[in-house]
Amino acid sequence: MVLQHASGPATINADVDSGSQTSSTDIIPYRFTHFEKLAIELQLAVVEAALVSNQPVIDLKPVGVSLDILQTCKWIYDQGSKIFFSKNVFHFSDLSILLAWIKSGTFPELQTWK
């Protein structure tokens, strides 16, 4: 398998399909280029599936979801943040945790709650 990167290809000696240790010439780009070609509704559905938990988010520690998707691009951050905070249920063990998080500036739109 060959990973394409701006500085040139890097070869990995592994066959993804069979799991064997052979070289192939498959090109896998670092940048995922097809997501943006999906309809907006499908993009939002993917982001929602990645960020909505069926369990409460306790003290801002989500269970069953990863917030790493928010780091992929500005559009996913903007839309994903809205989805994460509007579609999940949040529980705080202490009011001070909530207030400290709001004041931290992690999400500026919450600054009006001070």
PDB file of N, CA and C in Angstrom:
ATOM      1  N   MET A   1       0.857  -1.166   0.000  1.00  0.00           N
ATOM      2  CA  MET A   1       0.000   0.000   0.000  1.00  0.00           C
ATOM      3  C   MET A   1       0.899   1.224   0.000  1.00  0.00           C
ATOM      4  N   VAL A   2       0.552   2.232  -0.752  1.00  0.00           N
ATOM      5  CA  VAL A   2       1.332   3.461  -0.817  1.00  0.00           C
ATOM      6  C   VAL A   2       0.449   4.603  -0.359  1.00  0.00           C
ATOM      7  N   LEU A   3       0.915   5.328   0.627  1.00  0.00           N
ATOM      8  CA  LEU A   3       0.202   6.501   1.093  1.00  0.00           C
ATOM      9  C   LEU A   3       0.755   7.711   0.366  1.00  0.00           C
ATOM     10  N   GLN A   4      -0.098   8.502  -0.253  1.00  0.00           N
ATOM     11  CA  GLN A   4       0.341   9.676  -1.004  1.00  0.00           C
ATOM     12  C   GLN A   4       0.376  10.875  -0.069  1.00  0.00           C
ATOM     13  N   HIS A   5       1.458  11.574  -0.053  1.00  0.00           N
ATOM     14  CA  HIS A   5       1.625  12.744   0.787  1.00  0.00           C
ATOM     15  C   HIS A   5       2.339  13.802  -0.040  1.00  0.00           C
ATOM     16  N   ALA A   6       2.222  15.052   0.345  1.00  0.00           N
ATOM     17  CA  ALA A   6       2.830  16.142  -0.411  1.00  0.00           C
ATOM     18  C   ALA A   6       4.342  15.970  -0.547  1.00  0.00           C
ATOM     19  N   SER A   7       4.973  15.366   0.453  1.00  0.00           N
ATOM     20  CA  SER A   7       6.420  15.192   0.391  1.00  0.00           C
ATOM     21  C   SER A   7       6.818  13.933  -0.358  1.00  0.00           C
ATOM     22  N   GLY A   8       5.853  13.194  -0.872  1.00  0.00           N
ATOM     23  CA  GLY A   8       6.150  11.984  -1.637  1.00  0.00           C
ATOM     24  C   GLY A   8       5.460  10.782  -1.021  1.00  0.00           C
ATOM     25  N   PRO A   9       5.411   9.667  -1.759  1.00  0.00           N
ATOM     26  CA  PRO A   9       4.720   8.486  -1.260  1.00  0.00           C
ATOM     27  C   PRO A   9       5.514   7.767  -0.174  1.00  0.00           C
ATOM     28  N   ALA A  10       4.777   7.130   0.728  1.00  0.00           N
ATOM     29  CA  ALA A  10       5.382   6.297   1.756  1.00  0.00           C
ATOM     30  C   ALA A  10       4.800   4.904   1.605  1.00  0.00           C
ATOM     31  N   THR A  11       5.647   3.898   1.601  1.00  0.00           N
ATOM     32  CA  THR A  11       5.187   2.539   1.380  1.00  0.00           C
ATOM     33  C   THR A  11       4.976   1.825   2.710  1.00  0.00           C
ATOM     34  N   ILE A  12       3.872   1.140   2.818  1.00  0.00           N
ATOM     35  CA  ILE A  12       3.581   0.308   3.978  1.00  0.00           C
ATOM     36  C   ILE A  12       3.476  -1.118   3.479  1.00  0.00           C
ATOM     37  N   ASN A  13       4.180  -2.025   4.105  1.00  0.00           N
ATOM     38  CA  ASN A  13       4.177  -3.423   3.688  1.00  0.00           C
ATOM     39  C   ASN A  13       3.041  -4.175   4.353  1.00  0.00           C
ATOM     40  N   ALA A  14       1.838  -3.947   3.895  1.00  0.00           N
ATOM     41  CA  ALA A  14       0.685  -4.665   4.421  1.00  0.00           C
ATOM     42  C   ALA A  14      -0.409  -4.648   3.382  1.00  0.00           C
ATOM     43  N   ASP A  15      -1.066  -5.750   3.231  1.00  0.00           N
ATOM     44  CA  ASP A  15      -2.202  -5.852   2.328  1.00  0.00           C
ATOM     45  C   ASP A  15      -3.453  -5.731   3.185  1.00  0.00           C
ATOM     46  N   VAL A  16      -4.181  -4.627   3.033  1.00  0.00           N
ATOM     47  CA  VAL A  16      -5.327  -4.339   3.877  1.00  0.00           C
ATOM     48  C   VAL A  16      -6.404  -5.408   3.760  1.00  0.00           C
ATOM     49  N   ASP A  17      -6.696  -5.859   2.548  1.00  0.00           N
ATOM     50  CA  ASP A  17      -7.789  -6.808   2.353  1.00  0.00           C
ATOM     51  C   ASP A  17      -7.520  -8.168   2.984  1.00  0.00           C
ATOM     52  N   SER A  18      -6.346  -8.719   2.773  1.00  0.00           N
ATOM     53  CA  SER A  18      -6.075 -10.069   3.259  1.00  0.00           C
ATOM     54  C   SER A  18      -5.313 -10.085   4.570  1.00  0.00           C
ATOM     55  N   GLY A  19      -4.778  -8.943   4.977  1.00  0.00           N
ATOM     56  CA  GLY A  19      -4.029  -8.882   6.212  1.00  0.00           C
ATOM     57  C   GLY A  19      -2.620  -9.424   6.084  1.00  0.00           C
ATOM     58  N   SER A  20      -2.206  -9.835   4.881  1.00  0.00           N
ATOM     59  CA  SER A  20      -0.866 -10.383   4.704  1.00  0.00           C
ATOM     60  C   SER A  20       0.160  -9.260   4.598  1.00  0.00           C
ATOM     61  N   GLN A  21       1.411  -9.606   4.765  1.00  0.00           N
ATOM     62  CA  GLN A  21       2.503  -8.644   4.733  1.00  0.00           C
ATOM     63  C   GLN A  21       3.085  -8.529   3.331  1.00  0.00           C
ATOM     64  N   THR A  22       2.307  -8.052   2.384  1.00  0.00           N
ATOM     65  CA  THR A  22       2.792  -7.878   1.024  1.00  0.00           C
ATOM     66  C   THR A  22       2.686  -6.420   0.639  1.00  0.00           C
ATOM     67  N   SER A  23       3.450  -6.009  -0.346  1.00  0.00           N
ATOM     68  CA  SER A  23       3.377  -4.637  -0.844  1.00  0.00           C
ATOM     69  C   SER A  23       2.363  -4.562  -1.974  1.00  0.00           C
ATOM     70  N   SER A  24       1.695  -3.478  -2.065  1.00  0.00           N
ATOM     71  CA  SER A  24       0.790  -3.236  -3.176  1.00  0.00           C
ATOM     72  C   SER A  24       0.987  -1.806  -3.645  1.00  0.00           C
ATOM     73  N   THR A  25       0.316  -1.427  -4.684  1.00  0.00           N
ATOM     74  CA  THR A  25       0.482  -0.078  -5.215  1.00  0.00           C
ATOM     75  C   THR A  25      -0.788   0.743  -5.063  1.00  0.00           C
ATOM     76  N   ASP A  26      -1.651   0.382  -4.114  1.00  0.00           N
ATOM     77  CA  ASP A  26      -2.867   1.154  -3.866  1.00  0.00           C
ATOM     78  C   ASP A  26      -2.478   2.534  -3.356  1.00  0.00           C
ATOM     79  N   ILE A  27      -3.143   3.549  -3.856  1.00  0.00           N
ATOM     80  CA  ILE A  27      -2.905   4.914  -3.415  1.00  0.00           C
ATOM     81  C   ILE A  27      -4.045   5.314  -2.485  1.00  0.00           C
ATOM     82  N   ILE A  28      -3.696   5.712  -1.273  1.00  0.00           N
ATOM     83  CA  ILE A  28      -4.679   6.193  -0.315  1.00  0.00           C
ATOM     84  C   ILE A  28      -4.300   7.626   0.032  1.00  0.00           C
ATOM     85  N   PRO A  29      -5.110   8.606  -0.367  1.00  0.00           N
ATOM     86  CA  PRO A  29      -4.749   9.997  -0.074  1.00  0.00           C
ATOM     87  C   PRO A  29      -4.940  10.303   1.404  1.00  0.00           C
ATOM     88  N   TYR A  30      -4.115  11.194   1.936  1.00  0.00           N
ATOM     89  CA  TYR A  30      -4.271  11.631   3.317  1.00  0.00           C
ATOM     90  C   TYR A  30      -5.567  12.425   3.478  1.00  0.00           C
ATOM     91  N   ARG A  31      -5.952  13.132   2.452  1.00  0.00           N
ATOM     92  CA  ARG A  31      -7.141  13.984   2.505  1.00  0.00           C
ATOM     93  C   ARG A  31      -8.342  13.203   1.987  1.00  0.00           C
ATOM     94  N   PHE A  32      -9.405  13.194   2.783  1.00  0.00           N
ATOM     95  CA  PHE A  32     -10.637  12.524   2.373  1.00  0.00           C
ATOM     96  C   PHE A  32     -11.385  13.490   1.462  1.00  0.00           C
ATOM     97  N   THR A  33     -11.509  13.165   0.183  1.00  0.00           N
ATOM     98  CA  THR A  33     -12.003  14.128  -0.793  1.00  0.00           C
ATOM     99  C   THR A  33     -13.451  13.914  -1.208  1.00  0.00           C
ATOM    100  N   HIS A  34     -14.076  12.856  -0.813  1.00  0.00           N
ATOM    101  CA  HIS A  34     -15.421  12.576  -1.294  1.00  0.00           C
ATOM    102  C   HIS A  34     -16.529  13.021  -0.344  1.00  0.00           C
ATOM    103  N   PHE A  35     -16.206  13.272   0.905  1.00  0.00           N
ATOM    104  CA  PHE A  35     -17.224  13.671   1.880  1.00  0.00           C
ATOM    105  C   PHE A  35     -17.923  14.949   1.443  1.00  0.00           C
ATOM    106  N   GLU A  36     -17.154  15.913   0.985  1.00  0.00           N
ATOM    107  CA  GLU A  36     -17.735  17.204   0.594  1.00  0.00           C
ATOM    108  C   GLU A  36     -18.616  17.104  -0.647  1.00  0.00           C
ATOM    109  N   LYS A  37     -18.523  15.986  -1.368  1.00  0.00           N
ATOM    110  CA  LYS A  37     -19.364  15.789  -2.543  1.00  0.00           C
ATOM    111  C   LYS A  37     -20.736  15.229  -2.182  1.00  0.00           C
ATOM    112  N   LEU A  38     -20.894  14.771  -0.941  1.00  0.00           N
ATOM    113  CA  LEU A  38     -22.192  14.274  -0.496  1.00  0.00           C
ATOM    114  C   LEU A  38     -23.154  15.440  -0.312  1.00  0.00           C
ATOM    115  N   ALA A  39     -24.431  15.164  -0.413  1.00  0.00           N
ATOM    116  CA  ALA A  39     -25.441  16.187  -0.131  1.00  0.00           C
ATOM    117  C   ALA A  39     -25.290  16.638   1.325  1.00  0.00           C
ATOM    118  N   ILE A  40     -25.593  17.910   1.576  1.00  0.00           N
ATOM    119  CA  ILE A  40     -25.473  18.475   2.922  1.00  0.00           C
ATOM    120  C   ILE A  40     -26.228  17.627   3.943  1.00  0.00           C
ATOM    121  N   GLU A  41     -27.409  17.146   3.576  1.00  0.00           N
ATOM    122  CA  GLU A  41     -28.210  16.331   4.492  1.00  0.00           C
ATOM    123  C   GLU A  41     -27.455  15.072   4.910  1.00  0.00           C
ATOM    124  N   LEU A  42     -26.737  14.454   3.967  1.00  0.00           N
ATOM    125  CA  LEU A  42     -25.962  13.254   4.293  1.00  0.00           C
ATOM    126  C   LEU A  42     -24.733  13.603   5.133  1.00  0.00           C
ATOM    127  N   GLN A  43     -24.100  14.713   4.830  1.00  0.00           N
ATOM    128  CA  GLN A  43     -22.952  15.143   5.640  1.00  0.00           C
ATOM    129  C   GLN A  43     -23.388  15.366   7.084  1.00  0.00           C
ATOM    130  N   LEU A  44     -24.509  16.054   7.257  1.00  0.00           N
ATOM    131  CA  LEU A  44     -25.005  16.317   8.608  1.00  0.00           C
ATOM    132  C   LEU A  44     -25.406  15.024   9.315  1.00  0.00           C
ATOM    133  N   ALA A  45     -25.962  14.072   8.576  1.00  0.00           N
ATOM    134  CA  ALA A  45     -26.334  12.783   9.162  1.00  0.00           C
ATOM    135  C   ALA A  45     -25.097  12.033   9.654  1.00  0.00           C
ATOM    136  N   VAL A  46     -24.017  12.083   8.894  1.00  0.00           N
ATOM    137  CA  VAL A  46     -22.773  11.428   9.300  1.00  0.00           C
ATOM    138  C   VAL A  46     -22.216  12.094  10.562  1.00  0.00           C
ATOM    139  N   VAL A  47     -22.191  13.420  10.573  1.00  0.00           N
ATOM    140  CA  VAL A  47     -21.671  14.147  11.731  1.00  0.00           C
ATOM    141  C   VAL A  47     -22.549  13.865  12.954  1.00  0.00           C
ATOM    142  N   GLU A  48     -23.860  13.830  12.763  1.00  0.00           N
ATOM    143  CA  GLU A  48     -24.759  13.537  13.879  1.00  0.00           C
ATOM    144  C   GLU A  48     -24.541  12.122  14.409  1.00  0.00           C
ATOM    145  N   ALA A  49     -24.388  11.164  13.523  1.00  0.00           N
ATOM    146  CA  ALA A  49     -24.156   9.780  13.957  1.00  0.00           C
ATOM    147  C   ALA A  49     -22.854   9.670  14.751  1.00  0.00           C
ATOM    148  N   ALA A  50     -21.876  10.495  14.415  1.00  0.00           N
ATOM    149  CA  ALA A  50     -20.592  10.443  15.106  1.00  0.00           C
ATOM    150  C   ALA A  50     -20.614  11.150  16.457  1.00  0.00           C
ATOM    151  N   LEU A  51     -21.510  12.107  16.639  1.00  0.00           N
ATOM    152  CA  LEU A  51     -21.450  12.962  17.830  1.00  0.00           C
ATOM    153  C   LEU A  51     -22.600  12.816  18.816  1.00  0.00           C
ATOM    154  N   VAL A  52     -23.627  12.072  18.479  1.00  0.00           N
ATOM    155  CA  VAL A  52     -24.772  11.946  19.388  1.00  0.00           C
ATOM    156  C   VAL A  52     -24.681  10.617  20.120  1.00  0.00           C
ATOM    157  N   SER A  53     -24.713  10.705  21.435  1.00  0.00           N
ATOM    158  CA  SER A  53     -24.592   9.521  22.282  1.00  0.00           C
ATOM    159  C   SER A  53     -25.972   9.093  22.773  1.00  0.00           C
ATOM    160  N   ASN A  54     -26.144   7.798  22.957  1.00  0.00           N
ATOM    161  CA  ASN A  54     -27.403   7.308  23.518  1.00  0.00           C
ATOM    162  C   ASN A  54     -27.354   7.297  25.041  1.00  0.00           C
ATOM    163  N   GLN A  55     -26.239   7.747  25.604  1.00  0.00           N
ATOM    164  CA  GLN A  55     -26.081   7.870  27.050  1.00  0.00           C
ATOM    165  C   GLN A  55     -25.794   9.326  27.393  1.00  0.00           C
ATOM    166  N   PRO A  56     -26.137   9.769  28.590  1.00  0.00           N
ATOM    167  CA  PRO A  56     -25.857  11.157  28.963  1.00  0.00           C
ATOM    168  C   PRO A  56     -24.363  11.454  28.970  1.00  0.00           C
ATOM    169  N   VAL A  57     -24.033  12.682  28.634  1.00  0.00           N
ATOM    170  CA  VAL A  57     -22.658  13.167  28.713  1.00  0.00           C
ATOM    171  C   VAL A  57     -22.489  13.690  30.140  1.00  0.00           C
ATOM    172  N   ILE A  58     -21.652  13.011  30.923  1.00  0.00           N
ATOM    173  CA  ILE A  58     -21.477  13.363  32.331  1.00  0.00           C
ATOM    174  C   ILE A  58     -20.184  14.140  32.502  1.00  0.00           C
ATOM    175  N   ASP A  59     -20.297  15.326  33.072  1.00  0.00           N
ATOM    176  CA  ASP A  59     -19.143  16.213  33.294  1.00  0.00           C
ATOM    177  C   ASP A  59     -18.315  16.396  32.026  1.00  0.00           C
ATOM    178  N   LEU A  60     -18.999  16.540  30.897  1.00  0.00           N
ATOM    179  CA  LEU A  60     -18.393  16.791  29.587  1.00  0.00           C
ATOM    180  C   LEU A  60     -17.503  15.656  29.102  1.00  0.00           C
ATOM    181  N   LYS A  61     -17.761  14.446  29.572  1.00  0.00           N
ATOM    182  CA  LYS A  61     -17.030  13.261  29.111  1.00  0.00           C
ATOM    183  C   LYS A  61     -18.015  12.375  28.353  1.00  0.00           C
ATOM    184  N   PRO A  62     -18.070  12.519  27.019  1.00  0.00           N
ATOM    185  CA  PRO A  62     -19.040  11.746  26.245  1.00  0.00           C
ATOM    186  C   PRO A  62     -18.710  10.253  26.238  1.00  0.00           C
ATOM    187  N   VAL A  63     -19.751   9.442  26.240  1.00  0.00           N
ATOM    188  CA  VAL A  63     -19.615   7.986  26.184  1.00  0.00           C
ATOM    189  C   VAL A  63     -20.087   7.524  24.814  1.00  0.00           C
ATOM    190  N   GLY A  64     -19.257   6.780  24.128  1.00  0.00           N
ATOM    191  CA  GLY A  64     -19.647   6.228  22.838  1.00  0.00           C
ATOM    192  C   GLY A  64     -19.471   7.150  21.652  1.00  0.00           C
ATOM    193  N   VAL A  65     -18.946   8.339  21.867  1.00  0.00           N
ATOM    194  CA  VAL A  65     -18.659   9.256  20.762  1.00  0.00           C
ATOM    195  C   VAL A  65     -17.276   9.857  20.975  1.00  0.00           C
ATOM    196  N   SER A  66     -16.674  10.314  19.896  1.00  0.00           N
ATOM    197  CA  SER A  66     -15.375  10.972  19.973  1.00  0.00           C
ATOM    198  C   SER A  66     -15.501  12.359  19.372  1.00  0.00           C
ATOM    199  N   LEU A  67     -14.996  13.336  20.076  1.00  0.00           N
ATOM    200  CA  LEU A  67     -15.051  14.712  19.585  1.00  0.00           C
ATOM    201  C   LEU A  67     -13.932  15.011  18.588  1.00  0.00           C
ATOM    202  N   ASP A  68     -13.107  14.024  18.276  1.00  0.00           N
ATOM    203  CA  ASP A  68     -12.008  14.229  17.331  1.00  0.00           C
ATOM    204  C   ASP A  68     -12.496  14.679  15.961  1.00  0.00           C
ATOM    205  N   ILE A  69     -13.692  14.277  15.579  1.00  0.00           N
ATOM    206  CA  ILE A  69     -14.228  14.672  14.270  1.00  0.00           C
ATOM    207  C   ILE A  69     -14.331  16.193  14.156  1.00  0.00           C
ATOM    208  N   LEU A  70     -14.480  16.879  15.283  1.00  0.00           N
ATOM    209  CA  LEU A  70     -14.596  18.335  15.258  1.00  0.00           C
ATOM    210  C   LEU A  70     -13.300  19.015  14.814  1.00  0.00           C
ATOM    211  N   GLN A  71     -12.203  18.291  14.818  1.00  0.00           N
ATOM    212  CA  GLN A  71     -10.908  18.858  14.443  1.00  0.00           C
ATOM    213  C   GLN A  71     -10.604  18.706  12.952  1.00  0.00           C
ATOM    214  N   THR A  72     -11.507  18.111  12.191  1.00  0.00           N
ATOM    215  CA  THR A  72     -11.205  17.837  10.789  1.00  0.00           C
ATOM    216  C   THR A  72     -11.280  19.063   9.889  1.00  0.00           C
ATOM    217  N   CYS A  73     -12.268  19.923  10.111  1.00  0.00           N
ATOM    218  CA  CYS A  73     -12.357  21.155   9.321  1.00  0.00           C
ATOM    219  C   CYS A  73     -13.317  22.118  10.011  1.00  0.00           C
ATOM    220  N   LYS A  74     -13.281  23.368   9.584  1.00  0.00           N
ATOM    221  CA  LYS A  74     -14.108  24.402  10.227  1.00  0.00           C
ATOM    222  C   LYS A  74     -15.599  24.098  10.085  1.00  0.00           C
ATOM    223  N   TRP A  75     -16.029  23.636   8.911  1.00  0.00           N
ATOM    224  CA  TRP A  75     -17.449  23.367   8.701  1.00  0.00           C
ATOM    225  C   TRP A  75     -17.938  22.273   9.657  1.00  0.00           C
ATOM    226  N   ILE A  76     -17.164  21.198   9.787  1.00  0.00           N
ATOM    227  CA  ILE A  76     -17.572  20.118  10.697  1.00  0.00           C
ATOM    228  C   ILE A  76     -17.530  20.602  12.137  1.00  0.00           C
ATOM    229  N   TYR A  77     -16.559  21.444  12.487  1.00  0.00           N
ATOM    230  CA  TYR A  77     -16.513  22.012  13.838  1.00  0.00           C
ATOM    231  C   TYR A  77     -17.767  22.843  14.116  1.00  0.00           C
ATOM    232  N   ASP A  78     -18.091  23.739  13.184  1.00  0.00           N
ATOM    233  CA  ASP A  78     -19.252  24.609  13.377  1.00  0.00           C
ATOM    234  C   ASP A  78     -20.545  23.808  13.470  1.00  0.00           C
ATOM    235  N   GLN A  79     -20.780  22.936  12.508  1.00  0.00           N
ATOM    236  CA  GLN A  79     -22.016  22.157  12.486  1.00  0.00           C
ATOM    237  C   GLN A  79     -22.024  21.095  13.584  1.00  0.00           C
ATOM    238  N   GLY A  80     -20.882  20.433  13.780  1.00  0.00           N
ATOM    239  CA  GLY A  80     -20.793  19.375  14.785  1.00  0.00           C
ATOM    240  C   GLY A  80     -20.968  19.887  16.196  1.00  0.00           C
ATOM    241  N   SER A  81     -20.445  21.067  16.491  1.00  0.00           N
ATOM    242  CA  SER A  81     -20.615  21.656  17.829  1.00  0.00           C
ATOM    243  C   SER A  81     -22.093  21.889  18.121  1.00  0.00           C
ATOM    244  N   LYS A  82     -22.790  22.425  17.138  1.00  0.00           N
ATOM    245  CA  LYS A  82     -24.234  22.663  17.308  1.00  0.00           C
ATOM    246  C   LYS A  82     -24.968  21.349  17.535  1.00  0.00           C
ATOM    247  N   ILE A  83     -24.626  20.342  16.753  1.00  0.00           N
ATOM    248  CA  ILE A  83     -25.278  19.031  16.885  1.00  0.00           C
ATOM    249  C   ILE A  83     -24.954  18.419  18.240  1.00  0.00           C
ATOM    250  N   PHE A  84     -23.677  18.437  18.633  1.00  0.00           N
ATOM    251  CA  PHE A  84     -23.264  17.827  19.896  1.00  0.00           C
ATOM    252  C   PHE A  84     -24.013  18.439  21.072  1.00  0.00           C
ATOM    253  N   PHE A  85     -24.117  19.770  21.108  1.00  0.00           N
ATOM    254  CA  PHE A  85     -24.742  20.424  22.255  1.00  0.00           C
ATOM    255  C   PHE A  85     -26.251  20.444  22.197  1.00  0.00           C
ATOM    256  N   SER A  86     -26.844  20.302  21.030  1.00  0.00           N
ATOM    257  CA  SER A  86     -28.304  20.344  20.951  1.00  0.00           C
ATOM    258  C   SER A  86     -28.953  18.961  21.013  1.00  0.00           C
ATOM    259  N   LYS A  87     -28.215  17.911  20.662  1.00  0.00           N
ATOM    260  CA  LYS A  87     -28.827  16.579  20.562  1.00  0.00           C
ATOM    261  C   LYS A  87     -28.454  15.637  21.713  1.00  0.00           C
ATOM    262  N   ASN A  88     -27.486  16.011  22.533  1.00  0.00           N
ATOM    263  CA  ASN A  88     -27.085  15.169  23.658  1.00  0.00           C
ATOM    264  C   ASN A  88     -27.698  15.683  24.953  1.00  0.00           C
ATOM    265  N   VAL A  89     -27.768  14.806  25.935  1.00  0.00           N
ATOM    266  CA  VAL A  89     -28.231  15.161  27.275  1.00  0.00           C
ATOM    267  C   VAL A  89     -26.991  15.299  28.148  1.00  0.00           C
ATOM    268  N   PHE A  90     -26.902  16.399  28.892  1.00  0.00           N
ATOM    269  CA  PHE A  90     -25.730  16.671  29.720  1.00  0.00           C
ATOM    270  C   PHE A  90     -26.101  16.629  31.193  1.00  0.00           C
ATOM    271  N   HIS A  91     -25.225  15.999  31.974  1.00  0.00           N
ATOM    272  CA  HIS A  91     -25.366  15.956  33.426  1.00  0.00           C
ATOM    273  C   HIS A  91     -24.050  16.457  34.021  1.00  0.00           C
ATOM    274  N   PHE A  92     -24.163  17.262  35.077  1.00  0.00           N
ATOM    275  CA  PHE A  92     -22.977  17.765  35.762  1.00  0.00           C
ATOM    276  C   PHE A  92     -23.068  17.370  37.223  1.00  0.00           C
ATOM    277  N   SER A  93     -21.987  16.800  37.738  1.00  0.00           N
ATOM    278  CA  SER A  93     -21.984  16.362  39.130  1.00  0.00           C
ATOM    279  C   SER A  93     -21.868  17.545  40.078  1.00  0.00           C
ATOM    280  N   ASP A  94     -21.424  18.680  39.560  1.00  0.00           N
ATOM    281  CA  ASP A  94     -21.223  19.853  40.391  1.00  0.00           C
ATOM    282  C   ASP A  94     -21.390  21.092  39.508  1.00  0.00           C
ATOM    283  N   LEU A  95     -22.087  22.077  40.003  1.00  0.00           N
ATOM    284  CA  LEU A  95     -22.304  23.307  39.249  1.00  0.00           C
ATOM    285  C   LEU A  95     -20.988  24.001  38.917  1.00  0.00           C
ATOM    286  N   SER A  96     -19.996  23.875  39.770  1.00  0.00           N
ATOM    287  CA  SER A  96     -18.705  24.532  39.525  1.00  0.00           C
ATOM    288  C   SER A  96     -18.032  23.982  38.261  1.00  0.00           C
ATOM    289  N   ILE A  97     -18.238  22.711  37.937  1.00  0.00           N
ATOM    290  CA  ILE A  97     -17.681  22.128  36.712  1.00  0.00           C
ATOM    291  C   ILE A  97     -18.292  22.801  35.497  1.00  0.00           C
ATOM    292  N   LEU A  98     -19.600  22.970  35.516  1.00  0.00           N
ATOM    293  CA  LEU A  98     -20.289  23.633  34.415  1.00  0.00           C
ATOM    294  C   LEU A  98     -19.818  25.070  34.267  1.00  0.00           C
ATOM    295  N   LEU A  99     -19.779  25.809  35.358  1.00  0.00           N
ATOM    296  CA  LEU A  99     -19.379  27.216  35.291  1.00  0.00           C
ATOM    297  C   LEU A  99     -17.925  27.380  34.851  1.00  0.00           C
ATOM    298  N   ALA A 100     -17.035  26.522  35.336  1.00  0.00           N
ATOM    299  CA  ALA A 100     -15.628  26.594  34.927  1.00  0.00           C
ATOM    300  C   ALA A 100     -15.488  26.310  33.441  1.00  0.00           C
ATOM    301  N   TRP A 101     -16.246  25.354  32.937  1.00  0.00           N
ATOM    302  CA  TRP A 101     -16.173  25.018  31.518  1.00  0.00           C
ATOM    303  C   TRP A 101     -16.689  26.169  30.653  1.00  0.00           C
ATOM    304  N   ILE A 102     -17.795  26.775  31.062  1.00  0.00           N
ATOM    305  CA  ILE A 102     -18.351  27.903  30.304  1.00  0.00           C
ATOM    306  C   ILE A 102     -17.357  29.063  30.289  1.00  0.00           C
ATOM    307  N   LYS A 103     -16.748  29.345  31.420  1.00  0.00           N
ATOM    308  CA  LYS A 103     -15.802  30.461  31.508  1.00  0.00           C
ATOM    309  C   LYS A 103     -14.480  30.173  30.806  1.00  0.00           C
ATOM    310  N   SER A 104     -14.186  28.906  30.528  1.00  0.00           N
ATOM    311  CA  SER A 104     -12.917  28.553  29.890  1.00  0.00           C
ATOM    312  C   SER A 104     -12.817  29.064  28.459  1.00  0.00           C
ATOM    313  N   GLY A 105     -13.950  29.347  27.830  1.00  0.00           N
ATOM    314  CA  GLY A 105     -13.934  29.852  26.469  1.00  0.00           C
ATOM    315  C   GLY A 105     -13.814  28.772  25.412  1.00  0.00           C
ATOM    316  N   THR A 106     -14.010  27.517  25.802  1.00  0.00           N
ATOM    317  CA  THR A 106     -13.920  26.426  24.836  1.00  0.00           C
ATOM    318  C   THR A 106     -14.878  26.648  23.676  1.00  0.00           C
ATOM    319  N   PHE A 107     -16.079  27.077  23.975  1.00  0.00           N
ATOM    320  CA  PHE A 107     -17.068  27.388  22.948  1.00  0.00           C
ATOM    321  C   PHE A 107     -17.564  28.809  23.212  1.00  0.00           C
ATOM    322  N   PRO A 108     -17.061  29.782  22.445  1.00  0.00           N
ATOM    323  CA  PRO A 108     -17.383  31.197  22.691  1.00  0.00           C
ATOM    324  C   PRO A 108     -18.871  31.506  22.724  1.00  0.00           C
ATOM    325  N   GLU A 109     -19.678  30.744  21.990  1.00  0.00           N
ATOM    326  CA  GLU A 109     -21.112  31.036  21.976  1.00  0.00           C
ATOM    327  C   GLU A 109     -21.750  30.853  23.351  1.00  0.00           C
ATOM    328  N   LEU A 110     -21.079  30.152  24.270  1.00  0.00           N
ATOM    329  CA  LEU A 110     -21.616  29.971  25.616  1.00  0.00           C
ATOM    330  C   LEU A 110     -21.191  31.086  26.570  1.00  0.00           C
ATOM    331  N   GLN A 111     -20.346  31.981  26.120  1.00  0.00           N
ATOM    332  CA  GLN A 111     -19.857  33.066  26.981  1.00  0.00           C
ATOM    333  C   GLN A 111     -20.989  33.972  27.462  1.00  0.00           C
ATOM    334  N   THR A 112     -22.077  34.033  26.730  1.00  0.00           N
ATOM    335  CA  THR A 112     -23.197  34.883  27.141  1.00  0.00           C
ATOM    336  C   THR A 112     -23.897  34.325  28.369  1.00  0.00           C
ATOM    337  N   TRP A 113     -23.579  33.114  28.788  1.00  0.00           N
ATOM    338  CA  TRP A 113     -24.214  32.509  29.965  1.00  0.00           C
ATOM    339  C   TRP A 113     -23.549  32.880  31.267  1.00  0.00           C
ATOM    340  N   LYS A 114     -22.473  33.668  31.230  1.00  0.00           N
ATOM    341  CA  LYS A 114     -21.715  34.002  32.456  1.00  0.00           C
ATOM    342  C   LYS A 114     -22.582  34.631  33.513  1.00  0.00           C
TER     343      LYS A 114
END
